[in-house]
Amino acid sequence: KKIWHNLLEMEGSGAVITFELGEKNNSVHI
């Protein structure tokens, strides 16, 4: 959310994020 406001947010921009849980150790990725 902070990266969105600091770097990615522009007029007319947008983002869809999902969270992946790793198959072996449930490691989190965005």
PDB file of all heavy atoms in Angstrom:
ATOM      1  N   LYS A   1       0.828  -1.206   0.000  1.00  0.00           N
ATOM      2  CA  LYS A   1       0.000   0.000   0.000  1.00  0.00           C
ATOM      3  C   LYS A   1       0.867   1.263   0.000  1.00  0.00           C
ATOM      4  O   LYS A   1       0.570   2.245  -0.688  1.00  0.00           O
ATOM      5  CB  LYS A   1      -0.927  -0.002   1.217  1.00  0.00           C
ATOM      6  CG  LYS A   1      -1.934   1.124   1.221  1.00  0.00           C
ATOM      7  CD  LYS A   1      -2.902   1.004   2.389  1.00  0.00           C
ATOM      8  CE  LYS A   1      -3.951   2.106   2.352  1.00  0.00           C
ATOM      9  NZ  LYS A   1      -4.911   1.985   3.481  1.00  0.00           N
ATOM     10  N   LYS A   2       1.973   1.217   0.748  1.00  0.00           N
ATOM     11  CA  LYS A   2       2.888   2.364   0.779  1.00  0.00           C
ATOM     12  C   LYS A   2       3.620   2.512  -0.553  1.00  0.00           C
ATOM     13  O   LYS A   2       3.845   3.624  -1.033  1.00  0.00           O
ATOM     14  CB  LYS A   2       3.880   2.200   1.925  1.00  0.00           C
ATOM     15  CG  LYS A   2       3.232   2.332   3.304  1.00  0.00           C
ATOM     16  CD  LYS A   2       4.259   2.228   4.409  1.00  0.00           C
ATOM     17  CE  LYS A   2       3.595   2.415   5.773  1.00  0.00           C
ATOM     18  NZ  LYS A   2       4.560   2.304   6.891  1.00  0.00           N
ATOM     19  N   ILE A   3       3.991   1.362  -1.153  1.00  0.00           N
ATOM     20  CA  ILE A   3       4.648   1.414  -2.470  1.00  0.00           C
ATOM     21  C   ILE A   3       3.696   1.990  -3.511  1.00  0.00           C
ATOM     22  O   ILE A   3       4.104   2.766  -4.384  1.00  0.00           O
ATOM     23  CB  ILE A   3       5.135   0.011  -2.881  1.00  0.00           C
ATOM     24  CG1 ILE A   3       6.365  -0.370  -2.059  1.00  0.00           C
ATOM     25  CG2 ILE A   3       5.457  -0.045  -4.374  1.00  0.00           C
ATOM     26  CD1 ILE A   3       6.916  -1.737  -2.375  1.00  0.00           C
ATOM     27  N   TRP A   4       2.422   1.625  -3.415  1.00  0.00           N
ATOM     28  CA  TRP A   4       1.433   2.170  -4.342  1.00  0.00           C
ATOM     29  C   TRP A   4       1.398   3.697  -4.258  1.00  0.00           C
ATOM     30  O   TRP A   4       1.463   4.384  -5.268  1.00  0.00           O
ATOM     31  CB  TRP A   4       0.055   1.583  -4.051  1.00  0.00           C
ATOM     32  CG  TRP A   4      -1.066   2.332  -4.700  1.00  0.00           C
ATOM     33  CD1 TRP A   4      -1.952   3.200  -4.113  1.00  0.00           C
ATOM     34  CD2 TRP A   4      -1.419   2.316  -6.094  1.00  0.00           C
ATOM     35  NE1 TRP A   4      -2.825   3.711  -5.019  1.00  0.00           N
ATOM     36  CE2 TRP A   4      -2.532   3.194  -6.249  1.00  0.00           C
ATOM     37  CE3 TRP A   4      -0.917   1.654  -7.209  1.00  0.00           C
ATOM     38  CZ2 TRP A   4      -3.135   3.415  -7.483  1.00  0.00           C
ATOM     39  CZ3 TRP A   4      -1.524   1.877  -8.438  1.00  0.00           C
ATOM     40  CH2 TRP A   4      -2.605   2.749  -8.567  1.00  0.00           C
ATOM     41  N   HIS A   5       1.302   4.220  -3.040  1.00  0.00           N
ATOM     42  CA  HIS A   5       1.206   5.668  -2.867  1.00  0.00           C
ATOM     43  C   HIS A   5       2.530   6.380  -3.184  1.00  0.00           C
ATOM     44  O   HIS A   5       2.526   7.499  -3.704  1.00  0.00           O
ATOM     45  CB  HIS A   5       0.772   6.005  -1.440  1.00  0.00           C
ATOM     46  CG  HIS A   5      -0.652   5.638  -1.143  1.00  0.00           C
ATOM     47  ND1 HIS A   5      -1.707   6.122  -1.871  1.00  0.00           N
ATOM     48  CD2 HIS A   5      -1.192   4.818  -0.191  1.00  0.00           C
ATOM     49  CE1 HIS A   5      -2.839   5.637  -1.396  1.00  0.00           C
ATOM     50  NE2 HIS A   5      -2.554   4.842  -0.379  1.00  0.00           N
ATOM     51  N   ASN A   6       3.650   5.718  -2.889  1.00  0.00           N
ATOM     52  CA  ASN A   6       4.954   6.366  -3.078  1.00  0.00           C
ATOM     53  C   ASN A   6       5.484   6.287  -4.514  1.00  0.00           C
ATOM     54  O   ASN A   6       6.161   7.216  -4.983  1.00  0.00           O
ATOM     55  CB  ASN A   6       5.991   5.756  -2.131  1.00  0.00           C
ATOM     56  CG  ASN A   6       5.671   6.030  -0.669  1.00  0.00           C
ATOM     57  OD1 ASN A   6       4.903   6.942  -0.357  1.00  0.00           O
ATOM     58  ND2 ASN A   6       6.244   5.240   0.221  1.00  0.00           N
ATOM     59  N   LEU A   7       5.204   5.182  -5.210  1.00  0.00           N
ATOM     60  CA  LEU A   7       5.826   4.966  -6.518  1.00  0.00           C
ATOM     61  C   LEU A   7       4.866   4.681  -7.671  1.00  0.00           C
ATOM     62  O   LEU A   7       5.103   5.102  -8.804  1.00  0.00           O
ATOM     63  CB  LEU A   7       6.823   3.795  -6.421  1.00  0.00           C
ATOM     64  CG  LEU A   7       8.023   3.971  -5.497  1.00  0.00           C
ATOM     65  CD1 LEU A   7       8.839   2.687  -5.462  1.00  0.00           C
ATOM     66  CD2 LEU A   7       8.900   5.135  -5.962  1.00  0.00           C
ATOM     67  N   LEU A   8       3.804   3.942  -7.403  1.00  0.00           N
ATOM     68  CA  LEU A   8       2.978   3.437  -8.497  1.00  0.00           C
ATOM     69  C   LEU A   8       1.759   4.289  -8.828  1.00  0.00           C
ATOM     70  O   LEU A   8       1.260   4.247  -9.955  1.00  0.00           O
ATOM     71  CB  LEU A   8       2.514   2.004  -8.175  1.00  0.00           C
ATOM     72  CG  LEU A   8       3.622   0.970  -7.975  1.00  0.00           C
ATOM     73  CD1 LEU A   8       3.013  -0.378  -7.604  1.00  0.00           C
ATOM     74  CD2 LEU A   8       4.477   0.833  -9.219  1.00  0.00           C
ATOM     75  N   GLU A   9       1.279   5.039  -7.873  1.00  0.00           N
ATOM     76  CA  GLU A   9       0.051   5.801  -8.091  1.00  0.00           C
ATOM     77  C   GLU A   9       0.281   6.979  -9.040  1.00  0.00           C
ATOM     78  O   GLU A   9       1.101   7.855  -8.782  1.00  0.00           O
ATOM     79  CB  GLU A   9      -0.512   6.307  -6.763  1.00  0.00           C
ATOM     80  CG  GLU A   9      -1.884   6.942  -6.895  1.00  0.00           C
ATOM     81  CD  GLU A   9      -2.482   7.319  -5.556  1.00  0.00           C
ATOM     82  OE1 GLU A   9      -1.706   7.445  -4.583  1.00  0.00           O
ATOM     83  OE2 GLU A   9      -3.708   7.486  -5.490  1.00  0.00           O
ATOM     84  N   MET A  10      -0.435   6.952 -10.141  1.00  0.00           N
ATOM     85  CA  MET A  10      -0.387   8.041 -11.130  1.00  0.00           C
ATOM     86  C   MET A  10      -1.824   8.289 -11.589  1.00  0.00           C
ATOM     87  O   MET A  10      -2.712   7.461 -11.355  1.00  0.00           O
ATOM     88  CB  MET A  10       0.470   7.642 -12.345  1.00  0.00           C
ATOM     89  CG  MET A  10       1.851   7.149 -12.021  1.00  0.00           C
ATOM     90  SD  MET A  10       2.711   6.544 -13.510  1.00  0.00           S
ATOM     91  CE  MET A  10       4.203   5.863 -12.782  1.00  0.00           C
ATOM     92  N   GLU A  11      -2.037   9.397 -12.246  1.00  0.00           N
ATOM     93  CA  GLU A  11      -3.378   9.675 -12.757  1.00  0.00           C
ATOM     94  C   GLU A  11      -3.748   8.638 -13.814  1.00  0.00           C
ATOM     95  O   GLU A  11      -3.040   8.438 -14.795  1.00  0.00           O
ATOM     96  CB  GLU A  11      -3.434  11.073 -13.374  1.00  0.00           C
ATOM     97  CG  GLU A  11      -4.830  11.464 -13.835  1.00  0.00           C
ATOM     98  CD  GLU A  11      -4.894  12.871 -14.390  1.00  0.00           C
ATOM     99  OE1 GLU A  11      -3.868  13.584 -14.313  1.00  0.00           O
ATOM    100  OE2 GLU A  11      -5.969  13.250 -14.897  1.00  0.00           O
ATOM    101  N   GLY A  12      -4.854   7.932 -13.589  1.00  0.00           N
ATOM    102  CA  GLY A  12      -5.305   6.923 -14.542  1.00  0.00           C
ATOM    103  C   GLY A  12      -4.649   5.564 -14.379  1.00  0.00           C
ATOM    104  O   GLY A  12      -4.874   4.661 -15.193  1.00  0.00           O
ATOM    105  N   SER A  13      -3.832   5.368 -13.347  1.00  0.00           N
ATOM    106  CA  SER A  13      -3.166   4.075 -13.134  1.00  0.00           C
ATOM    107  C   SER A  13      -4.031   3.176 -12.244  1.00  0.00           C
ATOM    108  O   SER A  13      -5.005   3.621 -11.631  1.00  0.00           O
ATOM    109  CB  SER A  13      -1.798   4.279 -12.485  1.00  0.00           C
ATOM    110  OG  SER A  13      -1.941   4.814 -11.174  1.00  0.00           O
ATOM    111  N   GLY A  14      -3.671   1.920 -12.164  1.00  0.00           N
ATOM    112  CA  GLY A  14      -4.416   0.982 -11.331  1.00  0.00           C
ATOM    113  C   GLY A  14      -3.629  -0.292 -11.107  1.00  0.00           C
ATOM    114  O   GLY A  14      -2.670  -0.582 -11.826  1.00  0.00           O
ATOM    115  N   ALA A  15      -4.032  -1.045 -10.093  1.00  0.00           N
ATOM    116  CA  ALA A  15      -3.347  -2.305  -9.784  1.00  0.00           C
ATOM    117  C   ALA A  15      -4.327  -3.307  -9.192  1.00  0.00           C
ATOM    118  O   ALA A  15      -5.260  -2.939  -8.475  1.00  0.00           O
ATOM    119  CB  ALA A  15      -2.200  -2.060  -8.806  1.00  0.00           C
ATOM    120  N   VAL A  16      -4.111  -4.581  -9.532  1.00  0.00           N
ATOM    121  CA  VAL A  16      -4.823  -5.700  -8.916  1.00  0.00           C
ATOM    122  C   VAL A  16      -3.760  -6.614  -8.325  1.00  0.00           C
ATOM    123  O   VAL A  16      -2.855  -7.050  -9.041  1.00  0.00           O
ATOM    124  CB  VAL A  16      -5.658  -6.486  -9.947  1.00  0.00           C
ATOM    125  CG1 VAL A  16      -6.377  -7.649  -9.270  1.00  0.00           C
ATOM    126  CG2 VAL A  16      -6.653  -5.584 -10.645  1.00  0.00           C
ATOM    127  N   ILE A  17      -3.827  -6.877  -7.015  1.00  0.00           N
ATOM    128  CA  ILE A  17      -2.819  -7.736  -6.396  1.00  0.00           C
ATOM    129  C   ILE A  17      -3.471  -8.969  -5.795  1.00  0.00           C
ATOM    130  O   ILE A  17      -4.606  -8.928  -5.309  1.00  0.00           O
ATOM    131  CB  ILE A  17      -1.987  -6.993  -5.331  1.00  0.00           C
ATOM    132  CG1 ILE A  17      -2.826  -6.660  -4.101  1.00  0.00           C
ATOM    133  CG2 ILE A  17      -1.374  -5.731  -5.915  1.00  0.00           C
ATOM    134  CD1 ILE A  17      -2.008  -6.171  -2.924  1.00  0.00           C
ATOM    135  N   THR A  18      -2.758 -10.084  -5.858  1.00  0.00           N
ATOM    136  CA  THR A  18      -3.174 -11.322  -5.219  1.00  0.00           C
ATOM    137  C   THR A  18      -1.988 -11.886  -4.435  1.00  0.00           C
ATOM    138  O   THR A  18      -0.835 -11.564  -4.724  1.00  0.00           O
ATOM    139  CB  THR A  18      -3.648 -12.369  -6.246  1.00  0.00           C
ATOM    140  OG1 THR A  18      -2.582 -12.648  -7.164  1.00  0.00           O
ATOM    141  CG2 THR A  18      -4.848 -11.874  -7.016  1.00  0.00           C
ATOM    142  N   PHE A  19      -2.307 -12.728  -3.469  1.00  0.00           N
ATOM    143  CA  PHE A  19      -1.269 -13.315  -2.630  1.00  0.00           C
ATOM    144  C   PHE A  19      -1.121 -14.793  -2.940  1.00  0.00           C
ATOM    145  O   PHE A  19      -2.097 -15.543  -2.946  1.00  0.00           O
ATOM    146  CB  PHE A  19      -1.613 -13.135  -1.148  1.00  0.00           C
ATOM    147  CG  PHE A  19      -1.602 -11.702  -0.708  1.00  0.00           C
ATOM    148  CD1 PHE A  19      -2.736 -10.921  -0.811  1.00  0.00           C
ATOM    149  CD2 PHE A  19      -0.443 -11.120  -0.209  1.00  0.00           C
ATOM    150  CE1 PHE A  19      -2.735  -9.593  -0.424  1.00  0.00           C
ATOM    151  CE2 PHE A  19      -0.432  -9.794   0.178  1.00  0.00           C
ATOM    152  CZ  PHE A  19      -1.580  -9.028   0.071  1.00  0.00           C
ATOM    153  N   GLU A  20       0.113 -15.200  -3.202  1.00  0.00           N
ATOM    154  CA  GLU A  20       0.413 -16.610  -3.452  1.00  0.00           C
ATOM    155  C   GLU A  20       1.030 -17.224  -2.213  1.00  0.00           C
ATOM    156  O   GLU A  20       1.884 -16.616  -1.559  1.00  0.00           O
ATOM    157  CB  GLU A  20       1.388 -16.754  -4.623  1.00  0.00           C
ATOM    158  CG  GLU A  20       1.800 -18.203  -4.854  1.00  0.00           C
ATOM    159  CD  GLU A  20       3.010 -18.328  -5.754  1.00  0.00           C
ATOM    160  OE1 GLU A  20       3.608 -17.288  -6.109  1.00  0.00           O
ATOM    161  OE2 GLU A  20       3.377 -19.457  -6.093  1.00  0.00           O
ATOM    162  N   LEU A  21       0.598 -18.436  -1.895  1.00  0.00           N
ATOM    163  CA  LEU A  21       1.223 -19.212  -0.827  1.00  0.00           C
ATOM    164  C   LEU A  21       2.048 -20.312  -1.479  1.00  0.00           C
ATOM    165  O   LEU A  21       1.522 -21.116  -2.249  1.00  0.00           O
ATOM    166  CB  LEU A  21       0.168 -19.830   0.101  1.00  0.00           C
ATOM    167  CG  LEU A  21      -0.762 -18.835   0.796  1.00  0.00           C
ATOM    168  CD1 LEU A  21      -1.773 -19.588   1.664  1.00  0.00           C
ATOM    169  CD2 LEU A  21       0.031 -17.858   1.635  1.00  0.00           C
ATOM    170  N   GLY A  22       3.352 -20.343  -1.202  1.00  0.00           N
ATOM    171  CA  GLY A  22       4.234 -21.330  -1.804  1.00  0.00           C
ATOM    172  C   GLY A  22       3.788 -22.750  -1.523  1.00  0.00           C
ATOM    173  O   GLY A  22       3.287 -23.062  -0.443  1.00  0.00           O
ATOM    174  N   GLU A  23       3.967 -23.637  -2.492  1.00  0.00           N
ATOM    175  CA  GLU A  23       3.475 -25.001  -2.384  1.00  0.00           C
ATOM    176  C   GLU A  23       4.168 -25.815  -1.296  1.00  0.00           C
ATOM    177  O   GLU A  23       3.560 -26.661  -0.664  1.00  0.00           O
ATOM    178  CB  GLU A  23       3.634 -25.709  -3.734  1.00  0.00           C
ATOM    179  CG  GLU A  23       2.807 -25.073  -4.843  1.00  0.00           C
ATOM    180  CD  GLU A  23       2.994 -25.774  -6.168  1.00  0.00           C
ATOM    181  OE1 GLU A  23       3.724 -26.787  -6.188  1.00  0.00           O
ATOM    182  OE2 GLU A  23       2.422 -25.317  -7.170  1.00  0.00           O
ATOM    183  N   LYS A  24       5.447 -25.553  -1.061  1.00  0.00           N
ATOM    184  CA  LYS A  24       6.197 -26.376  -0.109  1.00  0.00           C
ATOM    185  C   LYS A  24       6.202 -25.805   1.307  1.00  0.00           C
ATOM    186  O   LYS A  24       6.097 -26.551   2.282  1.00  0.00           O
ATOM    187  CB  LYS A  24       7.641 -26.559  -0.607  1.00  0.00           C
ATOM    188  CG  LYS A  24       7.734 -27.343  -1.907  1.00  0.00           C
ATOM    189  CD  LYS A  24       9.185 -27.524  -2.318  1.00  0.00           C
ATOM    190  CE  LYS A  24       9.287 -28.320  -3.611  1.00  0.00           C
ATOM    191  NZ  LYS A  24      10.686 -28.524  -4.050  1.00  0.00           N
ATOM    192  N   ASN A  25       6.351 -24.489   1.426  1.00  0.00           N
ATOM    193  CA  ASN A  25       6.519 -23.911   2.772  1.00  0.00           C
ATOM    194  C   ASN A  25       5.589 -22.733   3.052  1.00  0.00           C
ATOM    195  O   ASN A  25       5.775 -22.013   4.027  1.00  0.00           O
ATOM    196  CB  ASN A  25       7.969 -23.463   2.960  1.00  0.00           C
ATOM    197  CG  ASN A  25       8.415 -22.503   1.858  1.00  0.00           C
ATOM    198  OD1 ASN A  25       7.608 -22.082   1.031  1.00  0.00           O
ATOM    199  ND2 ASN A  25       9.691 -22.167   1.841  1.00  0.00           N
ATOM    200  N   ASN A  26       4.568 -22.545   2.209  1.00  0.00           N
ATOM    201  CA  ASN A  26       3.606 -21.453   2.384  1.00  0.00           C
ATOM    202  C   ASN A  26       4.264 -20.072   2.421  1.00  0.00           C
ATOM    203  O   ASN A  26       3.800 -19.163   3.116  1.00  0.00           O
ATOM    204  CB  ASN A  26       2.780 -21.655   3.666  1.00  0.00           C
ATOM    205  CG  ASN A  26       1.793 -22.808   3.537  1.00  0.00           C
ATOM    206  OD1 ASN A  26       1.267 -23.056   2.464  1.00  0.00           O
ATOM    207  ND2 ASN A  26       1.552 -23.503   4.635  1.00  0.00           N
ATOM    208  N   SER A  27       5.358 -19.912   1.677  1.00  0.00           N
ATOM    209  CA  SER A  27       6.001 -18.597   1.604  1.00  0.00           C
ATOM    210  C   SER A  27       5.079 -17.628   0.863  1.00  0.00           C
ATOM    211  O   SER A  27       4.400 -18.007  -0.093  1.00  0.00           O
ATOM    212  CB  SER A  27       7.349 -18.694   0.878  1.00  0.00           C
ATOM    213  OG  SER A  27       7.164 -19.142  -0.454  1.00  0.00           O
ATOM    214  N   VAL A  28       5.038 -16.389   1.310  1.00  0.00           N
ATOM    215  CA  VAL A  28       4.102 -15.406   0.782  1.00  0.00           C
ATOM    216  C   VAL A  28       4.741 -14.566  -0.326  1.00  0.00           C
ATOM    217  O   VAL A  28       5.862 -14.072  -0.165  1.00  0.00           O
ATOM    218  CB  VAL A  28       3.603 -14.479   1.913  1.00  0.00           C
ATOM    219  CG1 VAL A  28       2.747 -13.342   1.350  1.00  0.00           C
ATOM    220  CG2 VAL A  28       2.815 -15.284   2.933  1.00  0.00           C
ATOM    221  N   HIS A  29       4.032 -14.435  -1.448  1.00  0.00           N
ATOM    222  CA  HIS A  29       4.425 -13.558  -2.547  1.00  0.00           C
ATOM    223  C   HIS A  29       3.235 -12.685  -2.927  1.00  0.00           C
ATOM    224  O   HIS A  29       2.093 -13.133  -2.850  1.00  0.00           O
ATOM    225  CB  HIS A  29       4.846 -14.347  -3.788  1.00  0.00           C
ATOM    226  CG  HIS A  29       6.105 -15.133  -3.623  1.00  0.00           C
ATOM    227  ND1 HIS A  29       6.155 -16.312  -2.906  1.00  0.00           N
ATOM    228  CD2 HIS A  29       7.355 -14.907  -4.081  1.00  0.00           C
ATOM    229  CE1 HIS A  29       7.394 -16.784  -2.945  1.00  0.00           C
ATOM    230  NE2 HIS A  29       8.142 -15.949  -3.646  1.00  0.00           N
ATOM    231  N   ILE A  30       3.503 -11.469  -3.334  1.00  0.00           N
ATOM    232  CA  ILE A  30       2.468 -10.603  -3.905  1.00  0.00           C
ATOM    233  C   ILE A  30       2.659 -10.590  -5.414  1.00  0.00           C
ATOM    234  O   ILE A  30       3.759 -10.351  -5.904  1.00  0.00           O
ATOM    235  CB  ILE A  30       2.572  -9.161  -3.373  1.00  0.00           C
ATOM    236  CG1 ILE A  30       2.173  -9.104  -1.910  1.00  0.00           C
ATOM    237  CG2 ILE A  30       1.669  -8.230  -4.180  1.00  0.00           C
ATOM    238  CD1 ILE A  30       2.263  -7.700  -1.320  1.00  0.00           C
TER     239      ILE A  30
END
